[in-house]
Amino acid sequence: MINDTEFIKNFVLTQINGKKEALHAYDKMMWVVRSGYLTLVFAGWGLIIQEAAGNKIPLIDIFPYFIALSLLSLVLAYAGFNIDIAYAQRKFRVIFSLNQLIEIITTSRFENADTKLLNSLAEMLQISGERKNDNHLKVEGYKNELKLVRLIYLTPSILIAGIVIYCMIRF
């Protein structure tokens, strides 16, 4: 059994820093996916609308491209949504683990670390973002993140679907 208080303190600090780095990495990846999705979708739509309007092309003439871009946009939304949710789950598993670690630090005495405390600390060695559990659901912020993800991917998708339905009815 390890009773070295300095070792435990260093371990805890290393874990906190590692978890903070993981959170920043997950946030970065989530925003890369989100901004990439929004850029591709709105740039694609902007180009097709600009081309049609600039050359006074009737919508009926570009309708096949319109349908293809609609399908591509919806597939990108589906893929982006699933990727984003996976990263959000990982991020909030790390947040849950970090919260647990902080709770252990603030409620434990390390001078006489017992087996239970050491086992709890050993559990923190595991990569919490990659663990298959529902700990992300225990963090209140996950619900807000889920709302944001839905807004980012579903709003353009609903708009695109509405436009396609309108055009199909019109033509």
C-alpha atoms as a PDB file:
ATOM      1  CA  MET A   1       0.000   0.000   0.000  1.00  0.00           C
ATOM      2  CA  ILE A   2       1.292   3.454  -0.879  1.00  0.00           C
ATOM      3  CA  ASN A   3       1.347   5.977   1.936  1.00  0.00           C
ATOM      4  CA  ASP A   4       3.488   8.594   0.253  1.00  0.00           C
ATOM      5  CA  THR A   5       1.446  11.805   0.520  1.00  0.00           C
ATOM      6  CA  GLU A   6       3.677  13.668  -1.936  1.00  0.00           C
ATOM      7  CA  PHE A   7       3.179  10.948  -4.551  1.00  0.00           C
ATOM      8  CA  ILE A   8      -0.594  11.113  -4.117  1.00  0.00           C
ATOM      9  CA  LYS A   9      -0.601  14.916  -4.400  1.00  0.00           C
ATOM     10  CA  ASN A  10       1.454  14.766  -7.601  1.00  0.00           C
ATOM     11  CA  PHE A  11      -0.788  12.031  -8.937  1.00  0.00           C
ATOM     12  CA  VAL A  12      -3.902  14.098  -8.264  1.00  0.00           C
ATOM     13  CA  LEU A  13      -2.423  17.221  -9.884  1.00  0.00           C
ATOM     14  CA  THR A  14      -1.354  15.207 -12.928  1.00  0.00           C
ATOM     15  CA  GLN A  15      -4.829  13.729 -13.258  1.00  0.00           C
ATOM     16  CA  ILE A  16      -6.507  17.135 -12.976  1.00  0.00           C
ATOM     17  CA  ASN A  17      -4.230  18.605 -15.634  1.00  0.00           C
ATOM     18  CA  GLY A  18      -4.742  15.608 -17.916  1.00  0.00           C
ATOM     19  CA  LYS A  19      -8.509  15.821 -17.580  1.00  0.00           C
ATOM     20  CA  LYS A  20      -8.444  19.556 -18.318  1.00  0.00           C
ATOM     21  CA  GLU A  21      -6.383  18.896 -21.446  1.00  0.00           C
ATOM     22  CA  ALA A  22      -8.859  16.198 -22.505  1.00  0.00           C
ATOM     23  CA  LEU A  23     -11.763  18.619 -22.039  1.00  0.00           C
ATOM     24  CA  HIS A  24     -10.063  21.217 -24.222  1.00  0.00           C
ATOM     25  CA  ALA A  25      -9.319  18.586 -26.879  1.00  0.00           C
ATOM     26  CA  TYR A  26     -12.947  17.382 -26.925  1.00  0.00           C
ATOM     27  CA  ASP A  27     -14.231  20.966 -27.134  1.00  0.00           C
ATOM     28  CA  LYS A  28     -11.864  21.711 -29.999  1.00  0.00           C
ATOM     29  CA  MET A  29     -12.913  18.613 -31.951  1.00  0.00           C
ATOM     30  CA  MET A  30     -16.600  19.328 -31.375  1.00  0.00           C
ATOM     31  CA  TRP A  31     -16.267  22.867 -32.729  1.00  0.00           C
ATOM     32  CA  VAL A  32     -14.174  21.686 -35.680  1.00  0.00           C
ATOM     33  CA  VAL A  33     -16.965  19.254 -36.609  1.00  0.00           C
ATOM     34  CA  ARG A  34     -19.678  21.873 -36.046  1.00  0.00           C
ATOM     35  CA  SER A  35     -17.988  24.658 -37.958  1.00  0.00           C
ATOM     36  CA  GLY A  36     -17.020  22.279 -40.760  1.00  0.00           C
ATOM     37  CA  TYR A  37     -20.605  21.096 -41.084  1.00  0.00           C
ATOM     38  CA  LEU A  38     -22.044  24.609 -41.067  1.00  0.00           C
ATOM     39  CA  THR A  39     -19.418  25.856 -43.519  1.00  0.00           C
ATOM     40  CA  LEU A  40     -20.008  23.019 -45.988  1.00  0.00           C
ATOM     41  CA  VAL A  41     -23.776  23.233 -45.819  1.00  0.00           C
ATOM     42  CA  PHE A  42     -24.152  26.988 -46.031  1.00  0.00           C
ATOM     43  CA  ALA A  43     -21.306  27.448 -48.527  1.00  0.00           C
ATOM     44  CA  GLY A  44     -22.847  24.786 -50.772  1.00  0.00           C
ATOM     45  CA  TRP A  45     -26.276  26.358 -50.586  1.00  0.00           C
ATOM     46  CA  GLY A  46     -24.831  29.841 -50.991  1.00  0.00           C
ATOM     47  CA  LEU A  47     -22.985  28.813 -54.148  1.00  0.00           C
ATOM     48  CA  ILE A  48     -25.969  27.146 -55.776  1.00  0.00           C
ATOM     49  CA  ILE A  49     -28.282  30.054 -54.927  1.00  0.00           C
ATOM     50  CA  GLN A  50     -25.728  32.634 -56.059  1.00  0.00           C
ATOM     51  CA  GLU A  51     -25.145  30.785 -59.331  1.00  0.00           C
ATOM     52  CA  ALA A  52     -28.851  30.465 -60.040  1.00  0.00           C
ATOM     53  CA  ALA A  53     -29.653  34.061 -59.110  1.00  0.00           C
ATOM     54  CA  GLY A  54     -26.587  35.540 -60.826  1.00  0.00           C
ATOM     55  CA  ASN A  55     -27.311  33.759 -64.098  1.00  0.00           C
ATOM     56  CA  LYS A  56     -31.098  34.032 -63.778  1.00  0.00           C
ATOM     57  CA  ILE A  57     -31.475  30.263 -64.005  1.00  0.00           C
ATOM     58  CA  PRO A  58     -34.966  29.060 -63.164  1.00  0.00           C
ATOM     59  CA  LEU A  59     -35.145  26.816 -60.110  1.00  0.00           C
ATOM     60  CA  ILE A  60     -36.650  24.006 -62.199  1.00  0.00           C
ATOM     61  CA  ASP A  61     -33.416  23.842 -64.236  1.00  0.00           C
ATOM     62  CA  ILE A  62     -31.218  23.302 -61.185  1.00  0.00           C
ATOM     63  CA  PHE A  63     -33.700  21.131 -59.311  1.00  0.00           C
ATOM     64  CA  PRO A  64     -31.608  17.912 -59.688  1.00  0.00           C
ATOM     65  CA  TYR A  65     -28.623  19.731 -58.141  1.00  0.00           C
ATOM     66  CA  PHE A  66     -30.914  21.123 -55.512  1.00  0.00           C
ATOM     67  CA  ILE A  67     -32.087  17.622 -54.544  1.00  0.00           C
ATOM     68  CA  ALA A  68     -28.514  16.282 -54.558  1.00  0.00           C
ATOM     69  CA  LEU A  69     -27.316  19.124 -52.327  1.00  0.00           C
ATOM     70  CA  SER A  70     -30.301  18.571 -50.025  1.00  0.00           C
ATOM     71  CA  LEU A  71     -29.456  14.891 -49.634  1.00  0.00           C
ATOM     72  CA  LEU A  72     -25.778  15.680 -49.091  1.00  0.00           C
ATOM     73  CA  SER A  73     -26.689  18.293 -46.475  1.00  0.00           C
ATOM     74  CA  LEU A  74     -28.926  15.863 -44.615  1.00  0.00           C
ATOM     75  CA  VAL A  75     -26.277  13.126 -44.682  1.00  0.00           C
ATOM     76  CA  LEU A  76     -23.690  15.600 -43.369  1.00  0.00           C
ATOM     77  CA  ALA A  77     -26.109  16.648 -40.616  1.00  0.00           C
ATOM     78  CA  TYR A  78     -26.699  13.033 -39.610  1.00  0.00           C
ATOM     79  CA  ALA A  79     -22.981  12.239 -39.550  1.00  0.00           C
ATOM     80  CA  GLY A  80     -22.039  15.474 -37.786  1.00  0.00           C
ATOM     81  CA  PHE A  81     -24.789  14.994 -35.207  1.00  0.00           C
ATOM     82  CA  ASN A  82     -23.593  11.484 -34.340  1.00  0.00           C
ATOM     83  CA  ILE A  83     -19.931  12.509 -34.199  1.00  0.00           C
ATOM     84  CA  ASP A  84     -20.786  15.513 -32.051  1.00  0.00           C
ATOM     85  CA  ILE A  85     -22.880  13.438 -29.634  1.00  0.00           C
ATOM     86  CA  ALA A  86     -20.042  10.918 -29.269  1.00  0.00           C
ATOM     87  CA  TYR A  87     -17.578  13.699 -28.411  1.00  0.00           C
ATOM     88  CA  ALA A  88     -20.085  15.315 -26.025  1.00  0.00           C
ATOM     89  CA  GLN A  89     -20.533  12.023 -24.183  1.00  0.00           C
ATOM     90  CA  ARG A  90     -16.771  11.624 -23.861  1.00  0.00           C
ATOM     91  CA  LYS A  91     -16.347  15.221 -22.722  1.00  0.00           C
ATOM     92  CA  PHE A  92     -18.974  14.918 -20.010  1.00  0.00           C
ATOM     93  CA  ARG A  93     -17.618  11.567 -18.819  1.00  0.00           C
ATOM     94  CA  VAL A  94     -14.322  13.392 -18.245  1.00  0.00           C
ATOM     95  CA  ILE A  95     -16.163  16.207 -16.449  1.00  0.00           C
ATOM     96  CA  PHE A  96     -17.888  13.641 -14.221  1.00  0.00           C
ATOM     97  CA  SER A  97     -14.548  12.003 -13.474  1.00  0.00           C
ATOM     98  CA  LEU A  98     -12.947  15.376 -12.737  1.00  0.00           C
ATOM     99  CA  ASN A  99     -15.819  16.234 -10.386  1.00  0.00           C
ATOM    100  CA  GLN A 100     -15.304  12.906  -8.609  1.00  0.00           C
ATOM    101  CA  LEU A 101     -11.590  13.551  -8.294  1.00  0.00           C
ATOM    102  CA  ILE A 102     -12.218  17.008  -6.835  1.00  0.00           C
ATOM    103  CA  GLU A 103     -14.696  15.504  -4.373  1.00  0.00           C
ATOM    104  CA  ILE A 104     -12.090  12.939  -3.293  1.00  0.00           C
ATOM    105  CA  ILE A 105      -9.492  15.677  -2.850  1.00  0.00           C
ATOM    106  CA  THR A 106     -11.755  17.886  -0.780  1.00  0.00           C
ATOM    107  CA  THR A 107     -13.161  15.151   1.450  1.00  0.00           C
ATOM    108  CA  SER A 108     -10.201  12.816   2.005  1.00  0.00           C
ATOM    109  CA  ARG A 109      -7.147  12.810   4.181  1.00  0.00           C
ATOM    110  CA  PHE A 110      -4.128  11.535   2.287  1.00  0.00           C
ATOM    111  CA  GLU A 111      -1.811  11.103   5.260  1.00  0.00           C
ATOM    112  CA  ASN A 112      -3.378   7.734   6.064  1.00  0.00           C
ATOM    113  CA  ALA A 113      -4.746   6.686   2.697  1.00  0.00           C
ATOM    114  CA  ASP A 114      -6.728   3.462   2.996  1.00  0.00           C
ATOM    115  CA  THR A 115      -7.436   0.873   0.315  1.00  0.00           C
ATOM    116  CA  LYS A 116     -10.796   2.411  -0.585  1.00  0.00           C
ATOM    117  CA  LEU A 117      -9.244   5.830  -1.215  1.00  0.00           C
ATOM    118  CA  LEU A 118      -6.383   4.316  -3.211  1.00  0.00           C
ATOM    119  CA  ASN A 119      -8.849   2.277  -5.290  1.00  0.00           C
ATOM    120  CA  SER A 120     -10.846   5.431  -5.993  1.00  0.00           C
ATOM    121  CA  LEU A 121      -7.686   7.192  -7.102  1.00  0.00           C
ATOM    122  CA  ALA A 122      -6.656   4.186  -9.198  1.00  0.00           C
ATOM    123  CA  GLU A 123      -9.996   4.373 -10.990  1.00  0.00           C
ATOM    124  CA  MET A 124      -9.039   7.901 -12.034  1.00  0.00           C
ATOM    125  CA  LEU A 125      -6.124   6.411 -14.013  1.00  0.00           C
ATOM    126  CA  GLN A 126      -8.574   4.996 -16.514  1.00  0.00           C
ATOM    127  CA  ILE A 127      -9.372   7.070 -19.556  1.00  0.00           C
ATOM    128  CA  SER A 128     -12.781   8.266 -18.454  1.00  0.00           C
ATOM    129  CA  GLY A 129     -13.887   9.646 -21.827  1.00  0.00           C
ATOM    130  CA  GLU A 130     -13.536   6.258 -23.495  1.00  0.00           C
ATOM    131  CA  ARG A 131     -15.314   4.224 -20.849  1.00  0.00           C
ATOM    132  CA  LYS A 132     -18.690   2.822 -21.832  1.00  0.00           C
ATOM    133  CA  ASN A 133     -20.975   4.132 -19.100  1.00  0.00           C
ATOM    134  CA  ASP A 134     -23.734   6.665 -18.551  1.00  0.00           C
ATOM    135  CA  ASN A 135     -21.742   9.006 -16.322  1.00  0.00           C
ATOM    136  CA  HIS A 136     -22.160  11.807 -18.862  1.00  0.00           C
ATOM    137  CA  LEU A 137     -25.881  11.803 -18.053  1.00  0.00           C
ATOM    138  CA  LYS A 138     -25.070  12.637 -14.420  1.00  0.00           C
ATOM    139  CA  VAL A 139     -23.561  16.015 -15.363  1.00  0.00           C
ATOM    140  CA  GLU A 140     -26.164  18.764 -15.649  1.00  0.00           C
ATOM    141  CA  GLY A 141     -24.317  20.540 -18.473  1.00  0.00           C
ATOM    142  CA  TYR A 142     -24.773  17.557 -20.799  1.00  0.00           C
ATOM    143  CA  LYS A 143     -28.451  18.402 -21.286  1.00  0.00           C
ATOM    144  CA  ASN A 144     -27.548  21.917 -22.427  1.00  0.00           C
ATOM    145  CA  GLU A 145     -24.847  20.564 -24.746  1.00  0.00           C
ATOM    146  CA  LEU A 146     -27.412  18.191 -26.247  1.00  0.00           C
ATOM    147  CA  LYS A 147     -29.764  21.117 -26.898  1.00  0.00           C
ATOM    148  CA  LEU A 148     -26.963  22.986 -28.679  1.00  0.00           C
ATOM    149  CA  VAL A 149     -26.085  19.944 -30.788  1.00  0.00           C
ATOM    150  CA  ARG A 150     -29.716  19.547 -31.811  1.00  0.00           C
ATOM    151  CA  LEU A 151     -29.949  23.235 -32.694  1.00  0.00           C
ATOM    152  CA  ILE A 152     -26.786  23.147 -34.817  1.00  0.00           C
ATOM    153  CA  TYR A 153     -27.738  20.075 -36.850  1.00  0.00           C
ATOM    154  CA  LEU A 154     -31.513  19.931 -36.814  1.00  0.00           C
ATOM    155  CA  THR A 155     -32.337  23.572 -37.590  1.00  0.00           C
ATOM    156  CA  PRO A 156     -30.609  23.613 -41.005  1.00  0.00           C
ATOM    157  CA  SER A 157     -31.945  20.105 -41.723  1.00  0.00           C
ATOM    158  CA  ILE A 158     -35.529  21.135 -40.991  1.00  0.00           C
ATOM    159  CA  LEU A 159     -35.082  24.245 -43.124  1.00  0.00           C
ATOM    160  CA  ILE A 160     -33.637  22.210 -46.009  1.00  0.00           C
ATOM    161  CA  ALA A 161     -36.393  19.590 -45.753  1.00  0.00           C
ATOM    162  CA  GLY A 162     -39.010  22.341 -45.740  1.00  0.00           C
ATOM    163  CA  ILE A 163     -37.531  23.952 -48.844  1.00  0.00           C
ATOM    164  CA  VAL A 164     -37.378  20.603 -50.655  1.00  0.00           C
ATOM    165  CA  ILE A 165     -40.994  19.830 -49.780  1.00  0.00           C
ATOM    166  CA  TYR A 166     -42.060  23.297 -50.903  1.00  0.00           C
ATOM    167  CA  CYS A 167     -40.218  22.897 -54.226  1.00  0.00           C
ATOM    168  CA  MET A 168     -41.642  19.425 -54.808  1.00  0.00           C
ATOM    169  CA  ILE A 169     -45.163  20.718 -54.245  1.00  0.00           C
ATOM    170  CA  ARG A 170     -44.511  23.737 -56.456  1.00  0.00           C
ATOM    171  CA  PHE A 171     -43.050  21.731 -59.338  1.00  0.00           C
END
